[in-house]
Amino acid sequence: MRVFVAGATGALGSQLVPQLAAAGHDVIGMTRSPAKTDAVRALGARPVVADALDPDAVARAVAETEPEVIVHQLTALSGDPDLRHADRFAAMTNRLRTEGTDHLLAAGRAVGIRRFIAQSIVAIGTYARTGGPVKTEDDPLDPDLPAKGRSVVDAIRYLEDAVCGIDWAEGLVLRYGSFYGPGTGFSADPEAMMTKTVLKRRFPIIGDGGGVWSFVHIEDAASATVAAVDHGAPGIYNVVDDEPAPVHEWLPFLAEQMGAKKPLRVPRFVGRLLAGEAPVLQMTEVRGASNAKAKRVLGWQPRWSTWRIGFAKGLGE
């Protein structure tokens, strides 16, 4: 099929485009920068240049290529995160998840696409921080969120509602776990956003470190997306590995694999002073996610079945 990937040169897009091409799809890769067209070709896609926040440019790019499937992987999260000003750091990504989603949906409807796949995440604000540690797609969303960072969650929920609400095509939302591997914040590159915080002991365990995280290797996130191109009913899918784990378990293991010192431990009130309420909840109360539905319905199986194997062997360069 003709598959239009918005965000073709990002961390996930760079893994996704070659996998789609290898599966025999005709891939169109959208980039905002003309300087990246050669990179898109090298990945195995036909490049188109358009600013995702320009509705006319997006409409032209989609009309000229007439895809059957659109895959929305647009984010703008490069650079070091400002945890105390999460809304400011994520402002452009929020626009891509709201305005950008609307533009891609309108363009796709105009050409009659059959399927629309969009990126979401499993993190603070996804599943309610009550009950068991691992949630399914049917579990309720978190109703009680801190004010700071709320715009991030609002943008994600806007995207999910918009995509799942279309009735003229099949809308699928993939809630990815925390990415690790080549090109991500958790990678073998010592300058990668999250890696350097671990190496410098600036990623402490807050409180009891009981927040349960779900991870997914970037290659596995891409392979699940390839599966979603022609498998599965409309709806939401958790794309995570087989082992959700609390921070106090995975973070020391990751530090050890990186050759870093053991992470520091700080009480919740210190974490709140340093980073704000949302990061504290992420480290202490967030719930993980089950991948049973993605395995069953999409026919997907992660190569890196657990972060234990992935952190030891799969961080990559």
Protein backbone atom coordinates (compact mmCIF):
# COMPACT_ATOMS: atom_id res chain seq x y z
CA MET A 1 0.00 0.00 0.00
CA ARG A 2 0.97 3.63 -0.27
CA VAL A 3 1.82 4.73 3.26
CA PHE A 4 2.33 8.40 4.12
CA VAL A 5 4.58 8.88 7.17
CA ALA A 6 4.44 12.31 8.82
CA GLY A 7 7.58 12.63 10.90
CA ALA A 8 9.71 10.39 8.69
CA THR A 9 13.10 11.51 10.04
CA GLY A 10 12.36 11.37 13.77
CA ALA A 11 13.62 8.65 16.09
CA LEU A 12 10.67 6.39 15.33
CA GLY A 13 10.21 7.47 11.73
CA SER A 14 13.83 6.58 10.97
CA GLN A 15 13.14 3.03 12.13
CA LEU A 16 9.64 2.82 10.69
CA VAL A 17 10.29 3.91 7.10
CA PRO A 18 12.88 1.18 6.34
CA GLN A 19 10.65 -1.48 7.91
CA LEU A 20 7.65 -0.36 5.86
CA ALA A 21 9.76 -0.38 2.68
CA ALA A 22 11.13 -3.83 3.52
CA ALA A 23 7.54 -5.06 3.92
CA GLY A 24 6.84 -3.97 0.33
CA HIS A 25 4.91 -0.78 0.95
CA ASP A 26 5.30 2.34 -1.21
CA VAL A 27 6.38 4.85 1.46
CA ILE A 28 6.05 8.62 1.29
CA GLY A 29 8.02 10.47 3.96
CA MET A 30 7.00 13.99 4.96
CA THR A 31 9.61 16.37 6.31
CA ARG A 32 9.45 20.07 7.07
CA SER A 33 13.01 20.69 5.92
CA PRO A 34 14.13 20.51 2.26
CA ALA A 35 17.60 19.69 3.61
CA LYS A 36 16.29 16.34 4.87
CA THR A 37 14.90 15.03 1.58
CA ASP A 38 18.06 13.03 0.84
CA ALA A 39 17.83 11.47 4.30
CA VAL A 40 14.23 10.45 3.59
CA ARG A 41 15.30 8.83 0.31
CA ALA A 42 18.11 6.99 2.07
CA LEU A 43 15.56 5.51 4.47
CA GLY A 44 13.59 4.12 1.54
CA ALA A 45 10.78 6.65 1.05
CA ARG A 46 9.75 9.26 -1.50
CA PRO A 47 10.18 12.65 0.20
CA VAL A 48 7.61 15.41 0.33
CA VAL A 49 8.23 18.75 2.02
CA ALA A 50 5.48 20.33 4.12
CA ASP A 51 5.08 22.14 7.40
CA ALA A 52 2.65 20.05 9.46
CA LEU A 53 1.13 23.25 10.89
CA ASP A 54 0.32 24.62 7.43
CA PRO A 55 -3.01 23.04 6.42
CA ASP A 56 -2.66 23.95 2.75
CA ALA A 57 0.84 22.47 2.52
CA VAL A 58 -0.29 19.26 4.19
CA ALA A 59 -3.34 19.03 1.94
CA ARG A 60 -1.16 19.42 -1.17
CA ALA A 61 1.38 16.84 -0.01
CA VAL A 62 -1.32 14.26 0.66
CA ALA A 63 -3.32 15.05 -2.49
CA GLU A 64 -0.23 14.73 -4.70
CA THR A 65 0.76 11.34 -3.27
CA GLU A 66 -2.72 9.83 -2.68
CA PRO A 67 -1.83 7.48 0.18
CA GLU A 68 -4.06 4.71 1.43
CA VAL A 69 -2.69 4.96 4.98
CA ILE A 70 -1.39 7.94 6.95
CA VAL A 71 0.92 7.38 9.93
CA HIS A 72 1.21 10.37 12.27
CA GLN A 73 4.54 10.35 14.14
CA LEU A 74 5.01 14.10 14.55
CA THR A 75 6.74 15.41 17.68
CA ALA A 76 9.23 18.19 18.49
CA LEU A 77 10.94 17.02 21.65
CA SER A 78 14.63 17.48 20.90
CA GLY A 79 16.89 19.07 23.47
CA ASP A 80 16.98 18.79 27.25
CA PRO A 81 13.56 18.74 28.91
CA ASP A 82 12.64 21.48 31.34
CA LEU A 83 10.74 19.48 33.94
CA ARG A 84 9.59 22.54 35.84
CA HIS A 85 8.16 24.07 32.66
CA ALA A 86 6.84 21.02 30.85
CA ASP A 87 4.11 23.01 29.10
CA ARG A 88 6.68 25.33 27.58
CA PHE A 89 9.01 22.49 26.52
CA ALA A 90 6.17 20.56 24.88
CA ALA A 91 4.37 23.53 23.31
CA MET A 92 5.29 22.68 19.71
CA THR A 93 4.56 18.99 20.19
CA ASN A 94 1.19 19.92 21.68
CA ARG A 95 0.41 21.87 18.51
CA LEU A 96 1.48 18.93 16.35
CA ARG A 97 -0.82 16.66 18.36
CA THR A 98 -3.77 19.01 17.98
CA GLU A 99 -3.48 21.25 14.92
CA GLY A 100 -1.19 18.81 13.11
CA THR A 101 -3.60 15.95 13.73
CA ASP A 102 -6.51 17.99 12.38
CA HIS A 103 -4.58 18.90 9.22
CA LEU A 104 -3.56 15.31 8.51
CA LEU A 105 -7.07 14.01 9.15
CA ALA A 106 -8.62 16.62 6.84
CA ALA A 107 -6.10 15.84 4.10
CA GLY A 108 -6.64 12.11 4.50
CA ARG A 109 -10.40 12.43 4.33
CA ALA A 110 -10.14 14.48 1.14
CA VAL A 111 -8.27 11.69 -0.68
CA GLY A 112 -10.20 8.81 0.89
CA ILE A 113 -7.56 7.06 2.95
CA ARG A 114 -8.62 3.76 4.51
CA ARG A 115 -6.56 3.89 7.72
CA PHE A 116 -5.04 6.54 10.01
CA ILE A 117 -2.47 5.55 12.65
CA ALA A 118 -1.27 7.99 15.31
CA GLN A 119 1.33 8.08 18.06
CA SER A 120 0.31 8.34 21.70
CA ILE A 121 2.16 7.36 24.88
CA VAL A 122 1.89 5.48 28.17
CA ALA A 123 2.98 7.92 30.87
CA ILE A 124 1.63 10.14 33.61
CA GLY A 125 -1.92 11.09 32.73
CA THR A 126 -2.68 7.90 30.83
CA TYR A 127 -4.10 5.36 33.26
CA ALA A 128 -5.67 6.08 36.63
CA ARG A 129 -3.18 5.76 39.49
CA THR A 130 -5.43 3.39 41.43
CA GLY A 131 -5.82 -0.37 41.50
CA GLY A 132 -3.26 -2.76 40.09
CA PRO A 133 0.13 -1.85 38.64
CA VAL A 134 -0.59 -2.88 35.03
CA LYS A 135 -3.45 -1.50 32.95
CA THR A 136 -5.22 -2.48 29.73
CA GLU A 137 -6.67 -0.23 27.06
CA ASP A 138 -10.11 -0.59 28.69
CA ASP A 139 -9.02 0.85 32.03
CA PRO A 140 -10.01 4.44 32.89
CA LEU A 141 -7.78 7.42 32.25
CA ASP A 142 -6.20 9.39 35.08
CA PRO A 143 -8.79 11.95 36.26
CA ASP A 144 -6.55 13.76 38.76
CA LEU A 145 -3.66 15.56 37.12
CA PRO A 146 -1.32 18.31 38.34
CA ALA A 147 -1.89 21.72 36.75
CA LYS A 148 1.67 21.98 35.44
CA GLY A 149 2.02 19.70 32.47
CA ARG A 150 -1.73 19.40 32.00
CA SER A 151 -1.48 20.85 28.48
CA VAL A 152 0.64 17.85 27.46
CA VAL A 153 -2.02 15.39 28.60
CA ASP A 154 -4.80 17.50 27.07
CA ALA A 155 -3.03 17.44 23.68
CA ILE A 156 -2.58 13.66 23.81
CA ARG A 157 -6.22 13.14 24.72
CA TYR A 158 -7.27 15.48 21.94
CA LEU A 159 -5.32 13.36 19.45
CA GLU A 160 -6.74 10.10 20.76
CA ASP A 161 -10.32 11.36 20.68
CA ALA A 162 -9.91 12.82 17.19
CA VAL A 163 -8.43 9.66 15.69
CA CYS A 164 -10.72 7.19 17.45
CA GLY A 165 -13.72 9.36 16.60
CA ILE A 166 -13.43 9.28 12.80
CA ASP A 167 -16.16 7.32 11.01
CA TRP A 168 -14.90 7.63 7.42
CA ALA A 169 -11.75 5.51 7.89
CA GLU A 170 -10.15 3.17 10.41
CA GLY A 171 -8.46 5.13 13.19
CA LEU A 172 -5.83 3.44 15.34
CA VAL A 173 -3.93 4.98 18.25
CA LEU A 174 -0.71 3.35 19.41
CA ARG A 175 0.18 4.13 23.02
CA TYR A 176 3.93 3.53 22.98
CA GLY A 177 5.90 2.84 26.12
CA SER A 178 9.05 4.81 26.96
CA PHE A 179 11.39 4.53 23.99
CA TYR A 180 14.96 3.30 24.24
CA GLY A 181 17.52 2.35 21.61
CA PRO A 182 19.19 4.20 18.72
CA GLY A 183 18.15 7.81 18.30
CA THR A 184 16.16 7.98 21.53
CA GLY A 185 16.77 9.64 24.88
CA PHE A 186 17.83 6.31 26.35
CA SER A 187 20.63 5.18 24.01
CA ALA A 188 24.33 4.37 23.98
CA ASP A 189 25.08 7.95 22.97
CA PRO A 190 26.40 9.64 26.16
CA GLU A 191 24.85 12.91 24.99
CA ALA A 192 21.39 11.40 24.59
CA MET A 193 18.89 13.34 26.68
CA MET A 194 18.11 10.72 29.35
CA THR A 195 21.40 8.82 29.15
CA LYS A 196 23.46 11.77 30.26
CA THR A 197 21.19 12.40 33.24
CA VAL A 198 21.79 8.82 34.38
CA LEU A 199 25.55 9.08 33.79
CA LYS A 200 25.71 12.33 35.78
CA ARG A 201 23.52 10.95 38.60
CA ARG A 202 20.85 13.53 37.87
CA PHE A 203 18.09 10.93 37.51
CA PRO A 204 17.30 10.04 41.13
CA ILE A 205 14.87 7.54 42.53
CA ILE A 206 12.18 9.70 44.12
CA GLY A 207 10.38 8.41 47.19
CA ASP A 208 9.92 4.65 47.04
CA GLY A 209 10.46 4.59 43.27
CA GLY A 210 7.22 2.65 42.96
CA GLY A 211 6.03 4.20 39.70
CA VAL A 212 5.63 1.42 37.14
CA TRP A 213 7.05 2.18 33.70
CA SER A 214 6.45 0.33 30.46
CA PHE A 215 9.27 0.40 27.92
CA VAL A 216 9.53 -0.48 24.25
CA HIS A 217 12.63 -0.70 22.08
CA ILE A 218 12.41 1.75 19.18
CA GLU A 219 12.74 -1.10 16.66
CA ASP A 220 9.78 -2.88 18.29
CA ALA A 221 7.72 0.30 18.27
CA ALA A 222 8.32 0.49 14.53
CA SER A 223 7.47 -3.17 13.92
CA ALA A 224 4.18 -2.77 15.82
CA THR A 225 3.37 0.22 13.63
CA VAL A 226 4.08 -1.80 10.50
CA ALA A 227 1.71 -4.47 11.82
CA ALA A 228 -0.97 -1.82 12.41
CA VAL A 229 -0.86 -0.72 8.77
CA ASP A 230 -2.93 -3.73 7.73
CA HIS A 231 -3.93 -5.51 10.94
CA GLY A 232 -6.35 -4.75 13.73
CA ALA A 233 -9.67 -3.08 14.25
CA PRO A 234 -9.91 0.65 14.99
CA GLY A 235 -9.11 1.62 18.56
CA ILE A 236 -6.27 2.01 21.03
CA TYR A 237 -3.33 -0.36 21.47
CA ASN A 238 -0.60 -0.41 24.11
CA VAL A 239 2.74 -0.95 22.38
CA VAL A 240 5.03 -1.95 25.24
CA ASP A 241 7.30 -4.83 26.19
CA ASP A 242 6.38 -7.81 28.35
CA GLU A 243 7.66 -6.52 31.70
CA PRO A 244 6.30 -3.33 33.25
CA ALA A 245 8.59 -2.51 36.16
CA PRO A 246 8.91 -0.03 39.03
CA VAL A 247 11.54 2.70 38.87
CA HIS A 248 13.44 1.28 41.85
CA GLU A 249 13.99 -1.89 39.80
CA TRP A 250 14.80 -0.73 36.28
CA LEU A 251 16.75 2.48 36.99
CA PRO A 252 19.59 0.89 39.02
CA PHE A 253 19.85 -1.85 36.39
CA LEU A 254 20.11 0.72 33.61
CA ALA A 255 22.77 2.67 35.50
CA GLU A 256 24.77 -0.52 35.97
CA GLN A 257 24.59 -1.35 32.25
CA MET A 258 25.82 2.16 31.44
CA GLY A 259 28.70 1.89 33.88
CA ALA A 260 27.24 4.72 35.95
CA LYS A 261 27.09 5.04 39.72
CA LYS A 262 23.93 3.93 41.49
CA PRO A 263 21.17 6.54 41.23
CA LEU A 264 20.66 8.82 44.18
CA ARG A 265 17.55 8.56 46.31
CA VAL A 266 15.59 11.64 47.35
CA PRO A 267 12.34 12.03 49.29
CA ARG A 268 9.19 13.07 47.49
CA PHE A 269 9.21 16.61 48.85
CA VAL A 270 12.72 17.19 47.48
CA GLY A 271 11.71 15.81 44.09
CA ARG A 272 8.70 18.11 44.12
CA LEU A 273 10.88 21.13 44.87
CA LEU A 274 13.42 20.26 42.19
CA ALA A 275 11.17 19.05 39.37
CA GLY A 276 7.52 19.65 40.21
CA GLU A 277 4.57 17.38 40.92
CA ALA A 278 4.22 15.59 37.56
CA PRO A 279 7.73 14.05 37.55
CA VAL A 280 7.21 12.94 41.16
CA LEU A 281 4.02 11.14 40.20
CA GLN A 282 5.80 9.59 37.22
CA MET A 283 8.46 8.20 39.56
CA THR A 284 6.14 7.07 42.35
CA GLU A 285 2.57 6.42 41.22
CA VAL A 286 2.29 5.95 37.44
CA ARG A 287 0.89 2.62 36.22
CA GLY A 288 2.30 0.36 33.54
CA ALA A 289 0.51 -1.17 30.56
CA SER A 290 -0.28 -4.61 29.16
CA ASN A 291 0.61 -5.50 25.56
CA ALA A 292 -1.79 -8.45 25.36
CA LYS A 293 -4.17 -6.71 22.95
CA ALA A 294 -1.43 -5.62 20.53
CA LYS A 295 -0.06 -9.16 20.47
CA ARG A 296 -3.47 -10.73 19.98
CA VAL A 297 -5.05 -8.30 17.51
CA LEU A 298 -2.08 -6.90 15.60
CA GLY A 299 -0.18 -10.18 15.57
CA TRP A 300 2.84 -8.33 16.98
CA GLN A 301 5.65 -9.82 19.01
CA PRO A 302 8.44 -7.62 20.41
CA ARG A 303 11.95 -8.73 19.58
CA TRP A 304 13.18 -7.14 22.80
CA SER A 305 10.69 -8.85 25.11
CA THR A 306 11.94 -7.08 28.24
CA TRP A 307 13.92 -3.98 29.11
CA ARG A 308 16.37 -6.27 30.95
CA ILE A 309 17.55 -7.70 27.65
CA GLY A 310 17.20 -4.42 25.83
CA PHE A 311 19.20 -2.34 28.31
CA ALA A 312 21.97 -4.92 28.31
CA LYS A 313 22.15 -5.47 24.55
CA GLY A 314 19.85 -3.15 22.67
CA LEU A 315 20.64 0.46 23.48
CA GLY A 316 22.61 0.70 20.22
CA GLU A 317 24.60 3.62 18.85
